[in-house]
Protein backbone atom coordinates (compact mmCIF):
# COMPACT_ATOMS: atom_id res chain seq x y z
CA MET A 1 0.00 0.00 0.00
CA THR A 2 1.21 3.49 -0.84
CA ALA A 3 1.05 6.35 1.65
CA CYS A 4 2.43 9.89 1.84
CA ARG A 5 3.50 11.95 4.83
CA LEU A 6 5.28 15.21 5.55
CA ILE A 7 9.03 14.90 5.08
CA THR A 8 11.25 15.23 8.17
CA THR A 9 14.98 15.71 8.66
CA ASP A 10 15.05 12.13 9.99
CA ASP A 11 14.38 11.04 6.38
CA ALA A 12 17.78 12.35 5.22
CA PRO A 13 19.69 9.04 5.47
CA ALA A 14 17.03 7.04 3.61
CA LEU A 15 16.61 9.71 0.93
CA ALA A 16 20.38 10.03 0.44
CA GLU A 17 20.61 6.28 -0.15
CA LEU A 18 17.59 6.32 -2.46
CA GLN A 19 19.00 9.27 -4.42
CA ARG A 20 22.38 7.51 -4.78
CA LEU A 21 20.75 4.29 -5.99
CA ASN A 22 18.57 6.18 -8.50
CA ARG A 23 21.03 8.88 -9.59
CA THR A 24 21.42 7.60 -13.16
CA PHE A 25 17.75 6.61 -13.46
CA LEU A 26 16.47 10.07 -12.39
CA ALA A 27 19.15 12.19 -14.13
CA PRO A 28 17.22 12.70 -17.42
CA TRP A 29 14.22 14.10 -15.50
CA GLU A 30 15.92 16.31 -12.88
CA PRO A 31 18.09 19.42 -12.63
CA VAL A 32 21.83 18.79 -12.60
CA ARG A 33 22.82 18.00 -9.00
CA THR A 34 26.16 18.42 -7.25
CA ASP A 35 27.74 15.36 -5.64
CA GLY A 36 26.88 16.85 -2.26
CA TYR A 37 23.16 16.53 -2.99
CA PHE A 38 23.47 12.74 -2.84
CA THR A 39 24.85 12.74 0.70
CA GLU A 40 23.00 12.66 3.99
CA ALA A 41 24.10 16.25 4.68
CA GLY A 42 22.90 17.33 1.23
CA GLN A 43 19.53 15.73 1.74
CA ARG A 44 19.24 17.25 5.22
CA THR A 45 19.88 20.71 3.72
CA ALA A 46 17.29 20.13 0.96
CA ILE A 47 14.75 18.91 3.51
CA GLU A 48 15.35 21.90 5.80
CA GLN A 49 14.83 24.28 2.87
CA ALA A 50 11.63 22.47 1.87
CA LEU A 51 10.32 22.59 5.45
CA THR A 52 11.07 26.31 5.70
CA GLU A 53 9.00 26.91 2.56
CA HIS A 54 6.31 24.65 4.01
CA GLN A 55 6.16 26.75 7.19
CA GLN A 56 5.70 29.80 4.93
CA GLY A 57 2.77 28.07 3.21
CA ARG A 58 4.59 27.87 -0.14
CA ASN A 59 4.84 24.10 -0.53
CA LEU A 60 3.88 20.72 0.88
CA PRO A 61 6.91 18.36 0.76
CA GLN A 62 6.11 14.71 1.34
CA VAL A 63 7.80 11.34 1.12
CA ILE A 64 6.15 8.43 -0.64
CA LEU A 65 6.03 5.24 1.41
CA ASP A 66 5.49 1.68 0.26
CA ASP A 67 4.60 -1.04 2.77
CA SER A 68 7.30 -3.41 1.62
CA ALA A 69 10.12 -0.92 0.93
CA GLY A 70 9.73 2.12 3.22
CA ILE A 71 10.51 5.45 1.53
CA VAL A 72 10.40 5.02 -2.24
CA GLY A 73 10.16 8.62 -3.50
CA ARG A 74 8.99 12.16 -2.99
CA ILE A 75 5.97 14.21 -4.00
CA THR A 76 5.64 17.94 -3.42
CA LEU A 77 3.06 20.61 -4.01
CA ASN A 78 5.28 23.52 -5.09
CA GLY A 79 4.65 27.22 -5.58
CA ILE A 80 1.41 27.36 -3.62
CA VAL A 81 -0.23 30.69 -4.40
CA ARG A 82 -3.27 31.93 -2.53
CA GLY A 83 -5.55 34.88 -3.27
CA ALA A 84 -7.47 34.73 -6.52
CA PHE A 85 -5.18 32.00 -7.93
CA GLN A 86 -5.45 29.22 -5.26
CA SER A 87 -3.08 27.06 -7.30
CA CYS A 88 0.13 25.05 -7.17
CA SER A 89 2.36 22.78 -9.19
CA VAL A 90 3.08 19.14 -8.35
CA GLY A 91 6.38 17.34 -8.72
CA TYR A 92 7.15 13.73 -7.92
CA TRP A 93 9.61 10.90 -8.44
CA VAL A 94 9.76 7.28 -7.40
CA SER A 95 12.58 4.78 -7.21
CA GLN A 96 13.22 2.67 -10.28
CA SER A 97 12.51 -0.39 -8.11
CA VAL A 98 8.80 0.55 -7.83
CA THR A 99 8.10 2.03 -11.27
CA GLY A 100 5.19 0.48 -13.11
CA ARG A 101 3.47 -0.64 -9.90
CA GLY A 102 1.06 2.30 -9.52
CA VAL A 103 2.97 3.87 -6.62
CA ALA A 104 3.30 7.32 -8.24
CA THR A 105 -0.34 7.20 -9.36
CA ALA A 106 -1.51 6.37 -5.82
CA ALA A 107 0.73 9.05 -4.25
CA LEU A 108 -0.58 11.69 -6.64
CA ARG A 109 -4.17 10.65 -5.88
CA GLN A 110 -3.48 11.16 -2.17
CA ILE A 111 -1.86 14.57 -2.60
CA ILE A 112 -4.75 15.73 -4.79
CA GLY A 113 -7.06 14.95 -1.87
CA VAL A 114 -4.93 17.09 0.44
CA ALA A 115 -4.61 19.93 -2.10
CA PHE A 116 -8.34 20.13 -2.78
CA GLY A 117 -9.45 19.19 0.74
CA GLU A 118 -7.23 20.39 3.57
CA LEU A 119 -5.50 23.15 1.55
CA GLY A 120 -8.64 24.27 -0.32
CA LEU A 121 -6.80 24.83 -3.60
CA HIS A 122 -8.63 25.27 -6.90
CA ARG A 123 -6.01 24.07 -9.39
CA ILE A 124 -2.95 21.81 -9.61
CA GLN A 125 -0.54 22.01 -12.52
CA GLY A 126 1.81 19.22 -13.58
CA GLU A 127 4.64 19.49 -16.07
CA THR A 128 6.48 16.70 -17.90
CA LEU A 129 9.23 16.59 -20.45
CA LEU A 130 7.91 15.79 -23.92
CA ASP A 131 9.19 12.20 -23.85
CA ASN A 132 8.24 11.35 -20.25
CA ALA A 133 5.33 9.09 -21.15
CA ALA A 134 5.31 7.37 -17.75
CA SER A 135 4.76 10.64 -15.86
CA GLN A 136 2.14 11.71 -18.40
CA ARG A 137 0.23 8.46 -17.71
CA VAL A 138 0.39 9.14 -13.95
CA LEU A 139 -1.15 12.58 -14.46
CA GLU A 140 -3.79 11.34 -16.91
CA ARG A 141 -4.80 8.44 -14.63
CA ASN A 142 -5.52 11.05 -11.97
CA GLY A 143 -7.76 13.15 -14.23
CA PHE A 144 -5.25 15.81 -15.29
CA ALA A 145 -5.96 17.33 -18.71
CA ARG A 146 -3.23 18.31 -21.12
CA ILE A 147 -3.44 22.07 -21.64
CA GLY A 148 -0.45 22.86 -23.83
CA MET A 149 3.27 22.88 -24.38
CA ALA A 150 5.65 25.41 -22.85
CA PRO A 151 8.92 25.91 -24.76
CA GLU A 152 12.11 25.94 -22.68
CA TYR A 153 10.06 25.73 -19.48
CA LEU A 154 12.42 23.95 -17.03
CA LYS A 155 16.19 23.53 -16.83
CA ILE A 156 16.49 19.76 -16.68
CA ALA A 157 19.60 17.64 -17.22
CA GLY A 158 21.57 20.82 -17.86
CA SER A 159 19.48 22.44 -20.58
CA TRP A 160 16.20 24.31 -20.95
CA GLN A 161 13.55 21.75 -21.87
CA ASP A 162 10.13 22.01 -23.47
CA CYS A 163 7.37 20.69 -21.21
CA ILE A 164 3.84 19.46 -21.68
CA LEU A 165 1.55 21.20 -19.18
CA TYR A 166 -1.34 19.48 -17.45
CA GLN A 167 -3.89 20.75 -14.98
CA LEU A 168 -6.52 19.42 -12.65
CA VAL A 169 -9.23 21.82 -11.52
CA ASN A 170 -11.26 21.33 -8.37
CA SER A 171 -14.65 22.12 -9.86
CA SER A 172 -16.32 21.78 -6.46
CA ALA A 173 -14.20 24.57 -4.93
CA ILE A 174 -16.05 27.75 -4.10
């Protein structure tokens, strides 16, 4: 069973190990990372930064848990904007060892419930690289609609990449 919970600094050792094991697998989909990022200290720093933004109401950083394997990835609501927008972006990754098992799909389903329930957001945006069919399937399985393509949208793997944009709107939000 897949579950999500707020990340803590105690997760740094497990995330460092997971990042090291998946470094090559995740590299095509992530920003270029320094070697320090893949250490316990690097993960602790990243977690502390994410938790600071969380305390400011700007994100919701969570780990993805799998019954049989413990922490298997991360999912975060980023760039939470209130006011008239009530929107955010979602980013996620899972370990290569659990891909194709529905873990990312289940984690996204859970975070949608939090975004539209507890946080009262109206819209979630997801972005994928043009050739990231697996992530596109995760979004589509959760009801996200493709809304366009943004040229040179994110700096991934060392260069500005075009992204397909998706959104999910909470039509029951007032």
